[in-house]
Amino acid sequence: MGELKIQFLAFEGCPLADAARRTLDDALASLNLSSYEVIDLLGPDTPEDLRGWGSPTILINGRDVTGGDQGGGVSCRVYPGPSKVPDARMIIERIRREAAN
C-alpha cells in the first residue's frame, strides 16, 4: 500500500467517538494496519484547518472517509445508517482508493 496519512478527529464527550474509533480499528486490522493520528478537535495545538470538522471524523490523506466536506466549526457529527458512524467497509474502500493514488 502507498503512503497513507490516517487521522481520527474527535473531542472528549462526543457520544459517537468511541464507536467510530472501534470501527476504524476494525477496518485497519483487516488491512494489517494499525497506525493513525488521534486529534482532539478542541485541543490548543490543533491546526486551524482541522477545526472545522465535526466529531467524529476520519480523514485519509486529508480526505473525509465518506467524501463529505468540512463544516463551519466543531460540532457533533452523525452519519447516515444504523450505527451513525462510517462502517468498516466504507473506511476500507477509501483507504484502498487513496493507497492506489
N, C-alpha and C. Protein backbone atom coordinates (compact mmCIF):
# COMPACT_ATOMS: atom_id res chain seq x y z
N MET A 1 0.83 -1.18 0.00
CA MET A 1 0.00 0.00 0.00
C MET A 1 0.88 1.24 0.00
N GLY A 2 0.40 2.27 -0.71
CA GLY A 2 1.14 3.51 -0.74
C GLY A 2 1.11 4.23 0.59
N GLU A 3 1.77 5.37 0.63
CA GLU A 3 1.82 6.18 1.85
C GLU A 3 0.43 6.66 2.23
N LEU A 4 0.07 6.47 3.47
CA LEU A 4 -1.24 6.88 3.96
C LEU A 4 -1.11 7.71 5.22
N LYS A 5 -1.87 8.77 5.27
CA LYS A 5 -1.97 9.57 6.49
C LYS A 5 -3.41 9.42 6.98
N ILE A 6 -3.57 8.73 8.09
CA ILE A 6 -4.90 8.47 8.63
C ILE A 6 -5.04 9.27 9.91
N GLN A 7 -6.13 10.05 9.99
CA GLN A 7 -6.37 10.90 11.15
C GLN A 7 -7.77 10.65 11.68
N PHE A 8 -7.87 10.55 12.98
CA PHE A 8 -9.14 10.41 13.67
C PHE A 8 -9.36 11.68 14.47
N LEU A 9 -10.40 12.44 14.13
CA LEU A 9 -10.67 13.72 14.76
C LEU A 9 -11.92 13.59 15.63
N ALA A 10 -11.80 14.02 16.87
CA ALA A 10 -12.93 13.97 17.79
C ALA A 10 -12.65 14.91 18.95
N PHE A 11 -13.65 15.07 19.79
CA PHE A 11 -13.43 15.80 21.04
C PHE A 11 -14.02 15.00 22.19
N GLU A 12 -13.47 15.21 23.37
CA GLU A 12 -13.92 14.49 24.56
C GLU A 12 -15.41 14.76 24.80
N GLY A 13 -16.13 13.71 25.10
CA GLY A 13 -17.55 13.83 25.35
C GLY A 13 -18.41 13.59 24.12
N CYS A 14 -17.80 13.43 22.97
CA CYS A 14 -18.56 13.14 21.75
C CYS A 14 -19.20 11.76 21.90
N PRO A 15 -20.52 11.65 21.78
CA PRO A 15 -21.17 10.37 22.03
C PRO A 15 -20.89 9.29 20.98
N LEU A 16 -20.41 9.67 19.80
CA LEU A 16 -20.15 8.68 18.74
C LEU A 16 -18.67 8.39 18.53
N ALA A 17 -17.80 9.08 19.26
CA ALA A 17 -16.37 8.93 19.04
C ALA A 17 -15.88 7.50 19.30
N ASP A 18 -16.29 6.88 20.38
CA ASP A 18 -15.82 5.53 20.69
C ASP A 18 -16.25 4.53 19.63
N ALA A 19 -17.49 4.62 19.17
CA ALA A 19 -17.98 3.70 18.13
C ALA A 19 -17.22 3.90 16.83
N ALA A 20 -16.97 5.14 16.46
CA ALA A 20 -16.23 5.41 15.22
C ALA A 20 -14.79 4.91 15.33
N ARG A 21 -14.20 5.08 16.48
CA ARG A 21 -12.82 4.62 16.68
C ARG A 21 -12.73 3.10 16.63
N ARG A 22 -13.69 2.40 17.21
CA ARG A 22 -13.71 0.94 17.13
C ARG A 22 -13.86 0.47 15.68
N THR A 23 -14.72 1.14 14.93
CA THR A 23 -14.90 0.77 13.52
C THR A 23 -13.62 1.03 12.74
N LEU A 24 -12.95 2.14 12.99
CA LEU A 24 -11.68 2.43 12.35
C LEU A 24 -10.65 1.38 12.70
N ASP A 25 -10.56 1.02 13.98
CA ASP A 25 -9.61 -0.02 14.41
C ASP A 25 -9.89 -1.35 13.69
N ASP A 26 -11.15 -1.73 13.58
CA ASP A 26 -11.52 -2.97 12.89
C ASP A 26 -11.14 -2.93 11.42
N ALA A 27 -11.42 -1.80 10.77
CA ALA A 27 -11.08 -1.66 9.34
C ALA A 27 -9.58 -1.75 9.13
N LEU A 28 -8.82 -1.06 9.97
CA LEU A 28 -7.36 -1.08 9.83
C LEU A 28 -6.81 -2.48 10.11
N ALA A 29 -7.34 -3.17 11.10
CA ALA A 29 -6.87 -4.52 11.42
C ALA A 29 -7.10 -5.46 10.23
N SER A 30 -8.20 -5.29 9.53
CA SER A 30 -8.47 -6.17 8.38
C SER A 30 -7.49 -5.92 7.23
N LEU A 31 -6.84 -4.75 7.24
CA LEU A 31 -5.84 -4.41 6.22
C LEU A 31 -4.42 -4.54 6.76
N ASN A 32 -4.28 -5.09 7.95
CA ASN A 32 -2.98 -5.21 8.63
C ASN A 32 -2.31 -3.85 8.84
N LEU A 33 -3.12 -2.87 9.17
CA LEU A 33 -2.64 -1.54 9.51
C LEU A 33 -3.06 -1.25 10.94
N SER A 34 -2.35 -0.38 11.60
CA SER A 34 -2.76 -0.05 12.96
C SER A 34 -2.50 1.40 13.34
N SER A 35 -1.70 2.08 12.58
CA SER A 35 -1.24 3.40 12.98
C SER A 35 -2.12 4.51 12.41
N TYR A 36 -2.52 5.43 13.30
CA TYR A 36 -3.21 6.63 12.88
C TYR A 36 -3.03 7.70 13.94
N GLU A 37 -3.24 8.92 13.53
CA GLU A 37 -3.09 10.07 14.42
C GLU A 37 -4.45 10.40 15.04
N VAL A 38 -4.47 10.59 16.34
CA VAL A 38 -5.69 10.99 17.04
C VAL A 38 -5.57 12.49 17.32
N ILE A 39 -6.57 13.23 16.89
CA ILE A 39 -6.55 14.68 17.05
C ILE A 39 -7.75 15.14 17.86
N ASP A 40 -7.47 15.86 18.94
CA ASP A 40 -8.52 16.46 19.77
C ASP A 40 -8.93 17.76 19.10
N LEU A 41 -10.14 17.80 18.58
CA LEU A 41 -10.60 18.99 17.86
C LEU A 41 -10.62 20.25 18.72
N LEU A 42 -10.66 20.08 20.02
CA LEU A 42 -10.69 21.24 20.91
C LEU A 42 -9.34 21.52 21.56
N GLY A 43 -8.33 20.74 21.20
CA GLY A 43 -7.00 20.92 21.78
C GLY A 43 -6.35 22.20 21.33
N PRO A 44 -5.56 22.82 22.20
CA PRO A 44 -4.91 24.09 21.87
C PRO A 44 -3.91 23.98 20.72
N ASP A 45 -3.37 22.80 20.47
CA ASP A 45 -2.38 22.63 19.41
C ASP A 45 -2.98 22.15 18.09
N THR A 46 -4.29 21.99 18.05
CA THR A 46 -4.94 21.50 16.83
C THR A 46 -4.87 22.58 15.75
N PRO A 47 -4.35 22.22 14.57
CA PRO A 47 -4.27 23.20 13.48
C PRO A 47 -5.65 23.75 13.10
N GLU A 48 -5.71 25.02 12.77
CA GLU A 48 -6.96 25.68 12.40
C GLU A 48 -7.68 24.96 11.27
N ASP A 49 -6.92 24.44 10.29
CA ASP A 49 -7.55 23.82 9.13
C ASP A 49 -8.29 22.53 9.47
N LEU A 50 -8.08 21.99 10.68
CA LEU A 50 -8.80 20.79 11.08
C LEU A 50 -9.98 21.10 12.00
N ARG A 51 -10.06 22.30 12.51
CA ARG A 51 -11.08 22.65 13.50
C ARG A 51 -12.50 22.70 12.93
N GLY A 52 -12.66 22.76 11.64
CA GLY A 52 -13.99 22.84 11.05
C GLY A 52 -14.69 21.51 10.86
N TRP A 53 -14.01 20.42 11.16
CA TRP A 53 -14.63 19.10 11.02
C TRP A 53 -15.48 18.77 12.23
N GLY A 54 -16.53 18.00 12.00
CA GLY A 54 -17.36 17.52 13.10
C GLY A 54 -16.70 16.34 13.79
N SER A 55 -17.21 16.01 14.95
CA SER A 55 -16.68 14.89 15.74
C SER A 55 -17.71 13.77 15.76
N PRO A 56 -17.31 12.58 15.35
CA PRO A 56 -16.00 12.13 14.89
C PRO A 56 -15.86 12.28 13.37
N THR A 57 -14.64 12.47 12.93
CA THR A 57 -14.30 12.49 11.51
C THR A 57 -13.06 11.63 11.31
N ILE A 58 -13.04 10.89 10.21
CA ILE A 58 -11.89 10.09 9.82
C ILE A 58 -11.40 10.64 8.49
N LEU A 59 -10.14 11.08 8.47
CA LEU A 59 -9.52 11.59 7.25
C LEU A 59 -8.46 10.61 6.77
N ILE A 60 -8.47 10.34 5.48
CA ILE A 60 -7.44 9.52 4.84
C ILE A 60 -6.75 10.44 3.82
N ASN A 61 -5.48 10.73 4.05
CA ASN A 61 -4.73 11.68 3.22
C ASN A 61 -5.47 13.01 3.08
N GLY A 62 -6.07 13.45 4.18
CA GLY A 62 -6.75 14.74 4.20
C GLY A 62 -8.16 14.73 3.65
N ARG A 63 -8.64 13.58 3.19
CA ARG A 63 -9.98 13.48 2.62
C ARG A 63 -10.90 12.74 3.59
N ASP A 64 -12.11 13.26 3.72
CA ASP A 64 -13.09 12.62 4.58
C ASP A 64 -13.41 11.24 4.06
N VAL A 65 -13.50 10.27 4.94
CA VAL A 65 -13.74 8.87 4.56
C VAL A 65 -15.07 8.71 3.83
N THR A 66 -16.04 9.59 4.10
CA THR A 66 -17.34 9.50 3.44
C THR A 66 -17.42 10.37 2.19
N GLY A 67 -16.37 11.15 1.94
CA GLY A 67 -16.40 12.08 0.82
C GLY A 67 -17.05 13.40 1.18
N GLY A 68 -17.38 13.57 2.45
CA GLY A 68 -18.04 14.79 2.91
C GLY A 68 -17.09 15.97 2.95
N ASP A 69 -17.70 17.14 3.12
CA ASP A 69 -16.93 18.38 3.19
C ASP A 69 -16.83 18.86 4.63
N GLN A 70 -15.82 19.65 4.86
CA GLN A 70 -15.61 20.24 6.17
C GLN A 70 -16.74 21.22 6.46
N GLY A 71 -17.19 21.24 7.71
CA GLY A 71 -18.25 22.16 8.11
C GLY A 71 -17.69 23.51 8.50
N GLY A 72 -18.51 24.29 9.16
CA GLY A 72 -18.10 25.63 9.53
C GLY A 72 -17.55 25.74 10.94
N GLY A 73 -17.50 24.65 11.67
CA GLY A 73 -16.99 24.71 13.03
C GLY A 73 -17.13 23.36 13.70
N VAL A 74 -16.57 23.25 14.88
CA VAL A 74 -16.60 22.00 15.62
C VAL A 74 -18.03 21.72 16.09
N SER A 75 -18.48 20.51 15.82
CA SER A 75 -19.81 20.10 16.24
C SER A 75 -19.85 18.58 16.30
N CYS A 76 -20.93 18.03 16.83
CA CYS A 76 -21.13 16.59 16.77
C CYS A 76 -21.51 16.22 15.34
N ARG A 77 -21.07 15.07 14.91
CA ARG A 77 -21.34 14.62 13.55
C ARG A 77 -22.02 13.27 13.62
N VAL A 78 -23.15 13.16 12.92
CA VAL A 78 -23.90 11.93 12.86
C VAL A 78 -23.95 11.50 11.39
N TYR A 79 -23.56 10.26 11.13
CA TYR A 79 -23.53 9.72 9.78
C TYR A 79 -24.82 8.96 9.49
N PRO A 80 -25.21 8.87 8.22
CA PRO A 80 -26.37 8.06 7.88
C PRO A 80 -26.12 6.59 8.20
N GLY A 81 -27.15 5.86 8.48
CA GLY A 81 -27.02 4.43 8.75
C GLY A 81 -27.32 4.12 10.20
N PRO A 82 -27.51 2.84 10.47
CA PRO A 82 -27.94 2.43 11.80
C PRO A 82 -26.93 2.70 12.92
N SER A 83 -25.64 2.62 12.61
CA SER A 83 -24.65 2.83 13.67
C SER A 83 -24.31 4.30 13.87
N LYS A 84 -24.69 5.14 12.91
CA LYS A 84 -24.45 6.59 12.94
C LYS A 84 -22.97 6.97 12.83
N VAL A 85 -22.12 6.00 12.48
CA VAL A 85 -20.70 6.23 12.19
C VAL A 85 -20.36 5.53 10.88
N PRO A 86 -19.24 5.89 10.22
CA PRO A 86 -18.87 5.20 8.98
C PRO A 86 -18.66 3.72 9.25
N ASP A 87 -19.11 2.87 8.33
CA ASP A 87 -18.88 1.44 8.53
C ASP A 87 -17.50 1.05 8.04
N ALA A 88 -17.03 -0.11 8.48
CA ALA A 88 -15.67 -0.57 8.17
C ALA A 88 -15.46 -0.70 6.67
N ARG A 89 -16.48 -1.16 5.95
CA ARG A 89 -16.35 -1.34 4.50
C ARG A 89 -16.04 -0.01 3.81
N MET A 90 -16.73 1.05 4.22
CA MET A 90 -16.51 2.37 3.65
C MET A 90 -15.08 2.84 3.93
N ILE A 91 -14.60 2.62 5.15
CA ILE A 91 -13.25 3.02 5.52
C ILE A 91 -12.22 2.25 4.69
N ILE A 92 -12.42 0.94 4.56
CA ILE A 92 -11.50 0.10 3.79
C ILE A 92 -11.46 0.55 2.33
N GLU A 93 -12.61 0.83 1.75
CA GLU A 93 -12.65 1.27 0.35
C GLU A 93 -11.90 2.58 0.16
N ARG A 94 -12.08 3.52 1.08
CA ARG A 94 -11.38 4.81 0.97
C ARG A 94 -9.88 4.63 1.12
N ILE A 95 -9.46 3.78 2.04
CA ILE A 95 -8.02 3.52 2.22
C ILE A 95 -7.44 2.91 0.95
N ARG A 96 -8.13 1.94 0.39
CA ARG A 96 -7.63 1.31 -0.86
C ARG A 96 -7.55 2.30 -2.00
N ARG A 97 -8.55 3.18 -2.11
CA ARG A 97 -8.55 4.20 -3.16
C ARG A 97 -7.37 5.14 -2.98
N GLU A 98 -7.16 5.59 -1.76
CA GLU A 98 -6.05 6.52 -1.50
C GLU A 98 -4.70 5.84 -1.68
N ALA A 99 -4.59 4.59 -1.32
CA ALA A 99 -3.33 3.87 -1.46
C ALA A 99 -2.98 3.64 -2.92
N ALA A 100 -3.99 3.58 -3.77
CA ALA A 100 -3.76 3.35 -5.20
C ALA A 100 -3.30 4.61 -5.92
N ASN A 101 -3.53 5.77 -5.30
CA ASN A 101 -3.13 7.06 -5.94
C ASN A 101 -1.67 7.35 -5.77
